[in-house]
Amino acid sequence: MSGTTLILNVGKKAGVKVGDTMEISRQVRVVKDPTTGKVIKAVTDKIGLATVTDVDDDSCTATFSGGGAAKVGDVAKNNP
């Protein structure tokens, strides 16, 4: 990651194409069952959007726009 440029670990093999828009989100809280301790849900906040500018088989480069900065560990998913 450099400024507004992100390198994501998904590429052509995952169906990513140049021009795709990815939603970037961050886990902010984990909800666990009080009895078993099993994770029931991971609560995330949307950080921003990234537009794919270059793709290879296993990664892609995207331009990020959002209110904050993206961090390693944030999650990218296709934004239909």
PDB file of N, CA and C in Angstrom:
ATOM      1  N   MET A   1       0.844  -1.163   0.000  1.00  0.00           N
ATOM      2  CA  MET A   1       0.000   0.000   0.000  1.00  0.00           C
ATOM      3  C   MET A   1       0.891   1.229   0.000  1.00  0.00           C
ATOM      4  N   SER A   2       0.567   2.183  -0.868  1.00  0.00           N
ATOM      5  CA  SER A   2       1.340   3.411  -0.954  1.00  0.00           C
ATOM      6  C   SER A   2       0.390   4.554  -1.291  1.00  0.00           C
ATOM      7  N   GLY A   3       0.123   5.455  -0.344  1.00  0.00           N
ATOM      8  CA  GLY A   3      -0.816   6.540  -0.586  1.00  0.00           C
ATOM      9  C   GLY A   3      -2.198   5.998  -0.855  1.00  0.00           C
ATOM     10  N   THR A   4      -2.697   6.212  -2.069  1.00  0.00           N
ATOM     11  CA  THR A   4      -4.028   5.715  -2.415  1.00  0.00           C
ATOM     12  C   THR A   4      -3.970   4.459  -3.268  1.00  0.00           C
ATOM     13  N   THR A   5      -2.779   3.877  -3.449  1.00  0.00           N
ATOM     14  CA  THR A   5      -2.625   2.659  -4.242  1.00  0.00           C
ATOM     15  C   THR A   5      -2.597   1.449  -3.324  1.00  0.00           C
ATOM     16  N   LEU A   6      -3.458   0.477  -3.607  1.00  0.00           N
ATOM     17  CA  LEU A   6      -3.512  -0.762  -2.826  1.00  0.00           C
ATOM     18  C   LEU A   6      -3.090  -1.928  -3.706  1.00  0.00           C
ATOM     19  N   ILE A   7      -2.410  -2.887  -3.110  1.00  0.00           N
ATOM     20  CA  ILE A   7      -2.132  -4.171  -3.756  1.00  0.00           C
ATOM     21  C   ILE A   7      -2.961  -5.196  -2.994  1.00  0.00           C
ATOM     22  N   LEU A   8      -3.876  -5.859  -3.689  1.00  0.00           N
ATOM     23  CA  LEU A   8      -4.786  -6.823  -3.064  1.00  0.00           C
ATOM     24  C   LEU A   8      -4.399  -8.236  -3.475  1.00  0.00           C
ATOM     25  N   ASN A   9      -4.665  -9.199  -2.591  1.00  0.00           N
ATOM     26  CA  ASN A   9      -4.264 -10.582  -2.863  1.00  0.00           C
ATOM     27  C   ASN A   9      -5.360 -11.390  -3.565  1.00  0.00           C
ATOM     28  N   VAL A  10      -6.065 -10.745  -4.485  1.00  0.00           N
ATOM     29  CA  VAL A  10      -7.015 -11.431  -5.371  1.00  0.00           C
ATOM     30  C   VAL A  10      -6.732 -10.947  -6.781  1.00  0.00           C
ATOM     31  N   GLY A  11      -6.935 -11.830  -7.744  1.00  0.00           N
ATOM     32  CA  GLY A  11      -6.642 -11.475  -9.128  1.00  0.00           C
ATOM     33  C   GLY A  11      -7.543 -12.195 -10.105  1.00  0.00           C
ATOM     34  N   LYS A  12      -7.011 -12.443 -11.304  1.00  0.00           N
ATOM     35  CA  LYS A  12      -7.791 -13.072 -12.373  1.00  0.00           C
ATOM     36  C   LYS A  12      -8.380 -14.414 -11.952  1.00  0.00           C
ATOM     37  N   LYS A  13      -7.611 -15.195 -11.183  1.00  0.00           N
ATOM     38  CA  LYS A  13      -8.101 -16.514 -10.757  1.00  0.00           C
ATOM     39  C   LYS A  13      -9.368 -16.398  -9.915  1.00  0.00           C
ATOM     40  N   ALA A  14      -9.579 -15.236  -9.258  1.00  0.00           N
ATOM     41  CA  ALA A  14     -10.777 -15.016  -8.442  1.00  0.00           C
ATOM     42  C   ALA A  14     -11.840 -14.239  -9.225  1.00  0.00           C
ATOM     43  N   GLY A  15     -11.593 -14.006 -10.512  1.00  0.00           N
ATOM     44  CA  GLY A  15     -12.568 -13.323 -11.353  1.00  0.00           C
ATOM     45  C   GLY A  15     -12.472 -11.806 -11.346  1.00  0.00           C
ATOM     46  N   VAL A  16     -11.412 -11.249 -10.786  1.00  0.00           N
ATOM     47  CA  VAL A  16     -11.235  -9.797 -10.730  1.00  0.00           C
ATOM     48  C   VAL A  16     -10.812  -9.282 -12.103  1.00  0.00           C
ATOM     49  N   LYS A  17     -11.392  -8.122 -12.504  1.00  0.00           N
ATOM     50  CA  LYS A  17     -11.085  -7.510 -13.790  1.00  0.00           C
ATOM     51  C   LYS A  17     -10.752  -6.029 -13.585  1.00  0.00           C
ATOM     52  N   VAL A  18      -9.984  -5.452 -14.503  1.00  0.00           N
ATOM     53  CA  VAL A  18      -9.718  -4.017 -14.487  1.00  0.00           C
ATOM     54  C   VAL A  18     -11.058  -3.285 -14.550  1.00  0.00           C
ATOM     55  N   GLY A  19     -11.223  -2.276 -13.696  1.00  0.00           N
ATOM     56  CA  GLY A  19     -12.471  -1.507 -13.646  1.00  0.00           C
ATOM     57  C   GLY A  19     -13.412  -1.948 -12.539  1.00  0.00           C
ATOM     58  N   ASP A  20     -13.186  -3.152 -11.982  1.00  0.00           N
ATOM     59  CA  ASP A  20     -14.024  -3.609 -10.864  1.00  0.00           C
ATOM     60  C   ASP A  20     -13.879  -2.654  -9.689  1.00  0.00           C
ATOM     61  N   THR A  21     -14.955  -2.518  -8.925  1.00  0.00           N
ATOM     62  CA  THR A  21     -14.931  -1.724  -7.701  1.00  0.00           C
ATOM     63  C   THR A  21     -15.018  -2.680  -6.523  1.00  0.00           C
ATOM     64  N   MET A  22     -14.119  -2.502  -5.564  1.00  0.00           N
ATOM     65  CA  MET A  22     -14.084  -3.344  -4.363  1.00  0.00           C
ATOM     66  C   MET A  22     -14.437  -2.487  -3.146  1.00  0.00           C
ATOM     67  N   GLU A  23     -15.275  -3.037  -2.270  1.00  0.00           N
ATOM     68  CA  GLU A  23     -15.552  -2.364  -1.005  1.00  0.00           C
ATOM     69  C   GLU A  23     -14.478  -2.788  -0.003  1.00  0.00           C
ATOM     70  N   ILE A  24     -13.869  -1.828   0.655  1.00  0.00           N
ATOM     71  CA  ILE A  24     -12.826  -2.103   1.645  1.00  0.00           C
ATOM     72  C   ILE A  24     -13.447  -1.914   3.023  1.00  0.00           C
ATOM     73  N   SER A  25     -13.368  -2.958   3.858  1.00  0.00           N
ATOM     74  CA  SER A  25     -13.960  -2.890   5.195  1.00  0.00           C
ATOM     75  C   SER A  25     -12.972  -3.401   6.236  1.00  0.00           C
ATOM     76  N   ARG A  26     -13.245  -3.055   7.492  1.00  0.00           N
ATOM     77  CA  ARG A  26     -12.370  -3.431   8.598  1.00  0.00           C
ATOM     78  C   ARG A  26     -13.215  -4.022   9.725  1.00  0.00           C
ATOM     79  N   GLN A  27     -12.732  -5.133  10.276  1.00  0.00           N
ATOM     80  CA  GLN A  27     -13.410  -5.744  11.425  1.00  0.00           C
ATOM     81  C   GLN A  27     -13.219  -4.839  12.635  1.00  0.00           C
ATOM     82  N   VAL A  28     -14.349  -4.479  13.292  1.00  0.00           N
ATOM     83  CA  VAL A  28     -14.266  -3.600  14.455  1.00  0.00           C
ATOM     84  C   VAL A  28     -14.658  -4.299  15.752  1.00  0.00           C
ATOM     85  N   ARG A  29     -15.379  -5.423  15.611  1.00  0.00           N
ATOM     86  CA  ARG A  29     -15.822  -6.121  16.813  1.00  0.00           C
ATOM     87  C   ARG A  29     -16.194  -7.550  16.460  1.00  0.00           C
ATOM     88  N   VAL A  30     -16.013  -8.456  17.418  1.00  0.00           N
ATOM     89  CA  VAL A  30     -16.418  -9.848  17.264  1.00  0.00           C
ATOM     90  C   VAL A  30     -17.447 -10.147  18.345  1.00  0.00           C
ATOM     91  N   VAL A  31     -18.576 -10.738  17.939  1.00  0.00           N
ATOM     92  CA  VAL A  31     -19.625 -11.119  18.884  1.00  0.00           C
ATOM     93  C   VAL A  31     -19.527 -12.623  19.112  1.00  0.00           C
ATOM     94  N   LYS A  32     -19.413 -13.016  20.391  1.00  0.00           N
ATOM     95  CA  LYS A  32     -19.286 -14.428  20.734  1.00  0.00           C
ATOM     96  C   LYS A  32     -20.492 -14.894  21.543  1.00  0.00           C
ATOM     97  N   ASP A  33     -20.809 -16.177  21.382  1.00  0.00           N
ATOM     98  CA  ASP A  33     -21.846 -16.810  22.194  1.00  0.00           C
ATOM     99  C   ASP A  33     -21.315 -16.863  23.625  1.00  0.00           C
ATOM    100  N   PRO A  34     -22.073 -16.310  24.600  1.00  0.00           N
ATOM    101  CA  PRO A  34     -21.569 -16.276  25.974  1.00  0.00           C
ATOM    102  C   PRO A  34     -21.409 -17.656  26.607  1.00  0.00           C
ATOM    103  N   THR A  35     -22.128 -18.639  26.115  1.00  0.00           N
ATOM    104  CA  THR A  35     -22.058 -19.981  26.684  1.00  0.00           C
ATOM    105  C   THR A  35     -20.896 -20.784  26.117  1.00  0.00           C
ATOM    106  N   THR A  36     -20.782 -20.767  24.775  1.00  0.00           N
ATOM    107  CA  THR A  36     -19.767 -21.608  24.134  1.00  0.00           C
ATOM    108  C   THR A  36     -18.481 -20.858  23.786  1.00  0.00           C
ATOM    109  N   GLY A  37     -18.567 -19.539  23.709  1.00  0.00           N
ATOM    110  CA  GLY A  37     -17.416 -18.753  23.297  1.00  0.00           C
ATOM    111  C   GLY A  37     -17.195 -18.753  21.795  1.00  0.00           C
ATOM    112  N   LYS A  38     -18.085 -19.445  21.065  1.00  0.00           N
ATOM    113  CA  LYS A  38     -17.977 -19.513  19.611  1.00  0.00           C
ATOM    114  C   LYS A  38     -18.311 -18.153  18.997  1.00  0.00           C
ATOM    115  N   VAL A  39     -17.523 -17.761  17.982  1.00  0.00           N
ATOM    116  CA  VAL A  39     -17.781 -16.503  17.285  1.00  0.00           C
ATOM    117  C   VAL A  39     -19.081 -16.633  16.494  1.00  0.00           C
ATOM    118  N   ILE A  40     -20.020 -15.713  16.772  1.00  0.00           N
ATOM    119  CA  ILE A  40     -21.310 -15.706  16.089  1.00  0.00           C
ATOM    120  C   ILE A  40     -21.268 -14.777  14.884  1.00  0.00           C
ATOM    121  N   LYS A  41     -20.615 -13.634  15.055  1.00  0.00           N
ATOM    122  CA  LYS A  41     -20.607 -12.633  13.996  1.00  0.00           C
ATOM    123  C   LYS A  41     -19.397 -11.725  14.145  1.00  0.00           C
ATOM    124  N   ALA A  42     -18.851 -11.323  13.012  1.00  0.00           N
ATOM    125  CA  ALA A  42     -17.795 -10.314  12.980  1.00  0.00           C
ATOM    126  C   ALA A  42     -18.424  -9.038  12.443  1.00  0.00           C
ATOM    127  N   VAL A  43     -18.353  -7.964  13.203  1.00  0.00           N
ATOM    128  CA  VAL A  43     -18.935  -6.679  12.808  1.00  0.00           C
ATOM    129  C   VAL A  43     -17.863  -5.874  12.085  1.00  0.00           C
ATOM    130  N   THR A  44     -18.207  -5.367  10.892  1.00  0.00           N
ATOM    131  CA  THR A  44     -17.246  -4.608  10.096  1.00  0.00           C
ATOM    132  C   THR A  44     -17.774  -3.211   9.800  1.00  0.00           C
ATOM    133  N   ASP A  45     -16.865  -2.288   9.538  1.00  0.00           N
ATOM    134  CA  ASP A  45     -17.187  -0.936   9.077  1.00  0.00           C
ATOM    135  C   ASP A  45     -16.603  -0.752   7.692  1.00  0.00           C
ATOM    136  N   LYS A  46     -17.372  -0.112   6.805  1.00  0.00           N
ATOM    137  CA  LYS A  46     -16.877   0.212   5.473  1.00  0.00           C
ATOM    138  C   LYS A  46     -15.852   1.337   5.611  1.00  0.00           C
ATOM    139  N   ILE A  47     -14.676   1.146   5.031  1.00  0.00           N
ATOM    140  CA  ILE A  47     -13.600   2.132   5.072  1.00  0.00           C
ATOM    141  C   ILE A  47     -13.621   2.997   3.810  1.00  0.00           C
ATOM    142  N   GLY A  48     -13.917   2.363   2.668  1.00  0.00           N
ATOM    143  CA  GLY A  48     -13.940   3.091   1.403  1.00  0.00           C
ATOM    144  C   GLY A  48     -14.082   2.151   0.233  1.00  0.00           C
ATOM    145  N   LEU A  49     -13.765   2.648  -0.951  1.00  0.00           N
ATOM    146  CA  LEU A  49     -13.854   1.865  -2.179  1.00  0.00           C
ATOM    147  C   LEU A  49     -12.508   1.867  -2.885  1.00  0.00           C
ATOM    148  N   ALA A  50     -12.255   0.819  -3.633  1.00  0.00           N
ATOM    149  CA  ALA A  50     -11.030   0.723  -4.431  1.00  0.00           C
ATOM    150  C   ALA A  50     -11.421   0.293  -5.840  1.00  0.00           C
ATOM    151  N   THR A  51     -10.884   0.989  -6.831  1.00  0.00           N
ATOM    152  CA  THR A  51     -11.138   0.669  -8.230  1.00  0.00           C
ATOM    153  C   THR A  51      -9.904  -0.017  -8.798  1.00  0.00           C
ATOM    154  N   VAL A  52     -10.111  -1.204  -9.355  1.00  0.00           N
ATOM    155  CA  VAL A  52      -9.006  -2.023  -9.873  1.00  0.00           C
ATOM    156  C   VAL A  52      -8.449  -1.391 -11.153  1.00  0.00           C
ATOM    157  N   THR A  53      -7.115  -1.202 -11.161  1.00  0.00           N
ATOM    158  CA  THR A  53      -6.449  -0.587 -12.312  1.00  0.00           C
ATOM    159  C   THR A  53      -5.527  -1.549 -13.063  1.00  0.00           C
ATOM    160  N   ASP A  54      -5.136  -2.658 -12.415  1.00  0.00           N
ATOM    161  CA  ASP A  54      -4.237  -3.639 -13.046  1.00  0.00           C
ATOM    162  C   ASP A  54      -4.465  -4.981 -12.360  1.00  0.00           C
ATOM    163  N   VAL A  55      -4.429  -6.068 -13.143  1.00  0.00           N
ATOM    164  CA  VAL A  55      -4.693  -7.400 -12.588  1.00  0.00           C
ATOM    165  C   VAL A  55      -3.701  -8.405 -13.142  1.00  0.00           C
ATOM    166  N   ASP A  56      -3.209  -9.302 -12.264  1.00  0.00           N
ATOM    167  CA  ASP A  56      -2.494 -10.487 -12.731  1.00  0.00           C
ATOM    168  C   ASP A  56      -3.217 -11.700 -12.149  1.00  0.00           C
ATOM    169  N   ASP A  57      -2.643 -12.886 -12.255  1.00  0.00           N
ATOM    170  CA  ASP A  57      -3.357 -14.089 -11.836  1.00  0.00           C
ATOM    171  C   ASP A  57      -3.757 -14.093 -10.363  1.00  0.00           C
ATOM    172  N   ASP A  58      -2.862 -13.647  -9.476  1.00  0.00           N
ATOM    173  CA  ASP A  58      -3.097 -13.786  -8.041  1.00  0.00           C
ATOM    174  C   ASP A  58      -3.189 -12.483  -7.268  1.00  0.00           C
ATOM    175  N   SER A  59      -3.095 -11.338  -7.941  1.00  0.00           N
ATOM    176  CA  SER A  59      -3.175 -10.057  -7.233  1.00  0.00           C
ATOM    177  C   SER A  59      -3.691  -8.984  -8.174  1.00  0.00           C
ATOM    178  N   CYS A  60      -4.009  -7.828  -7.576  1.00  0.00           N
ATOM    179  CA  CYS A  60      -4.413  -6.690  -8.388  1.00  0.00           C
ATOM    180  C   CYS A  60      -3.957  -5.404  -7.707  1.00  0.00           C
ATOM    181  N   THR A  61      -3.897  -4.346  -8.504  1.00  0.00           N
ATOM    182  CA  THR A  61      -3.588  -3.015  -8.015  1.00  0.00           C
ATOM    183  C   THR A  61      -4.868  -2.209  -8.131  1.00  0.00           C
ATOM    184  N   ALA A  62      -5.157  -1.408  -7.097  1.00  0.00           N
ATOM    185  CA  ALA A  62      -6.386  -0.624  -7.093  1.00  0.00           C
ATOM    186  C   ALA A  62      -6.117   0.756  -6.512  1.00  0.00           C
ATOM    187  N   THR A  63      -6.938   1.719  -6.921  1.00  0.00           N
ATOM    188  CA  THR A  63      -6.874   3.072  -6.382  1.00  0.00           C
ATOM    189  C   THR A  63      -7.948   3.204  -5.312  1.00  0.00           C
ATOM    190  N   PHE A  64      -7.530   3.585  -4.108  1.00  0.00           N
ATOM    191  CA  PHE A  64      -8.422   3.664  -2.943  1.00  0.00           C
ATOM    192  C   PHE A  64      -8.962   5.073  -2.766  1.00  0.00           C
ATOM    193  N   SER A  65     -10.242   5.157  -2.401  1.00  0.00           N
ATOM    194  CA  SER A  65     -10.841   6.425  -1.996  1.00  0.00           C
ATOM    195  C   SER A  65     -11.736   6.153  -0.794  1.00  0.00           C
ATOM    196  N   GLY A  66     -11.577   6.968   0.234  1.00  0.00           N
ATOM    197  CA  GLY A  66     -12.374   6.782   1.436  1.00  0.00           C
ATOM    198  C   GLY A  66     -12.054   7.842   2.461  1.00  0.00           C
ATOM    199  N   GLY A  67     -12.775   7.810   3.576  1.00  0.00           N
ATOM    200  CA  GLY A  67     -12.610   8.804   4.615  1.00  0.00           C
ATOM    201  C   GLY A  67     -11.345   8.633   5.432  1.00  0.00           C
ATOM    202  N   GLY A  68     -10.850   7.409   5.528  1.00  0.00           N
ATOM    203  CA  GLY A  68      -9.637   7.127   6.292  1.00  0.00           C
ATOM    204  C   GLY A  68      -8.621   6.471   5.395  1.00  0.00           C
ATOM    205  N   ALA A  69      -7.666   5.805   6.007  1.00  0.00           N
ATOM    206  CA  ALA A  69      -6.644   5.089   5.242  1.00  0.00           C
ATOM    207  C   ALA A  69      -6.876   3.588   5.367  1.00  0.00           C
ATOM    208  N   ALA A  70      -6.642   2.865   4.284  1.00  0.00           N
ATOM    209  CA  ALA A  70      -6.718   1.403   4.325  1.00  0.00           C
ATOM    210  C   ALA A  70      -5.485   0.875   5.041  1.00  0.00           C
ATOM    211  N   LYS A  71      -5.645  -0.276   5.721  1.00  0.00           N
ATOM    212  CA  LYS A  71      -4.549  -0.900   6.450  1.00  0.00           C
ATOM    213  C   LYS A  71      -4.421  -2.361   6.046  1.00  0.00           C
ATOM    214  N   VAL A  72      -3.230  -2.914   6.266  1.00  0.00           N
ATOM    215  CA  VAL A  72      -3.032  -4.344   6.067  1.00  0.00           C
ATOM    216  C   VAL A  72      -4.015  -5.068   6.978  1.00  0.00           C
ATOM    217  N   GLY A  73      -4.709  -6.066   6.442  1.00  0.00           N
ATOM    218  CA  GLY A  73      -5.691  -6.814   7.217  1.00  0.00           C
ATOM    219  C   GLY A  73      -7.124  -6.415   6.910  1.00  0.00           C
ATOM    220  N   ASP A  74      -7.329  -5.259   6.250  1.00  0.00           N
ATOM    221  CA  ASP A  74      -8.669  -4.886   5.837  1.00  0.00           C
ATOM    222  C   ASP A  74      -9.139  -5.885   4.787  1.00  0.00           C
ATOM    223  N   VAL A  75     -10.442  -5.964   4.601  1.00  0.00           N
ATOM    224  CA  VAL A  75     -11.030  -6.939   3.681  1.00  0.00           C
ATOM    225  C   VAL A  75     -11.603  -6.233   2.459  1.00  0.00           C
ATOM    226  N   ALA A  76     -11.320  -6.811   1.276  1.00  0.00           N
ATOM    227  CA  ALA A  76     -11.862  -6.285   0.023  1.00  0.00           C
ATOM    228  C   ALA A  76     -12.865  -7.288  -0.512  1.00  0.00           C
ATOM    229  N   LYS A  77     -14.022  -6.793  -0.938  1.00  0.00           N
ATOM    230  CA  LYS A  77     -14.998  -7.655  -1.600  1.00  0.00           C
ATOM    231  C   LYS A  77     -15.633  -6.895  -2.743  1.00  0.00           C
ATOM    232  N   ASN A  78     -16.042  -7.647  -3.784  1.00  0.00           N
ATOM    233  CA  ASN A  78     -16.643  -7.015  -4.954  1.00  0.00           C
ATOM    234  C   ASN A  78     -17.831  -6.181  -4.540  1.00  0.00           C
ATOM    235  N   ASN A  79     -17.936  -5.007  -5.138  1.00  0.00           N
ATOM    236  CA  ASN A  79     -19.034  -4.082  -4.892  1.00  0.00           C
ATOM    237  C   ASN A  79     -19.852  -4.026  -6.165  1.00  0.00           C
ATOM    238  N   PRO A  80     -20.951  -4.783  -6.212  1.00  0.00           N
ATOM    239  CA  PRO A  80     -21.719  -4.878  -7.475  1.00  0.00           C
ATOM    240  C   PRO A  80     -22.273  -3.541  -7.927  1.00  0.00           C
TER     241      PRO A  80
END
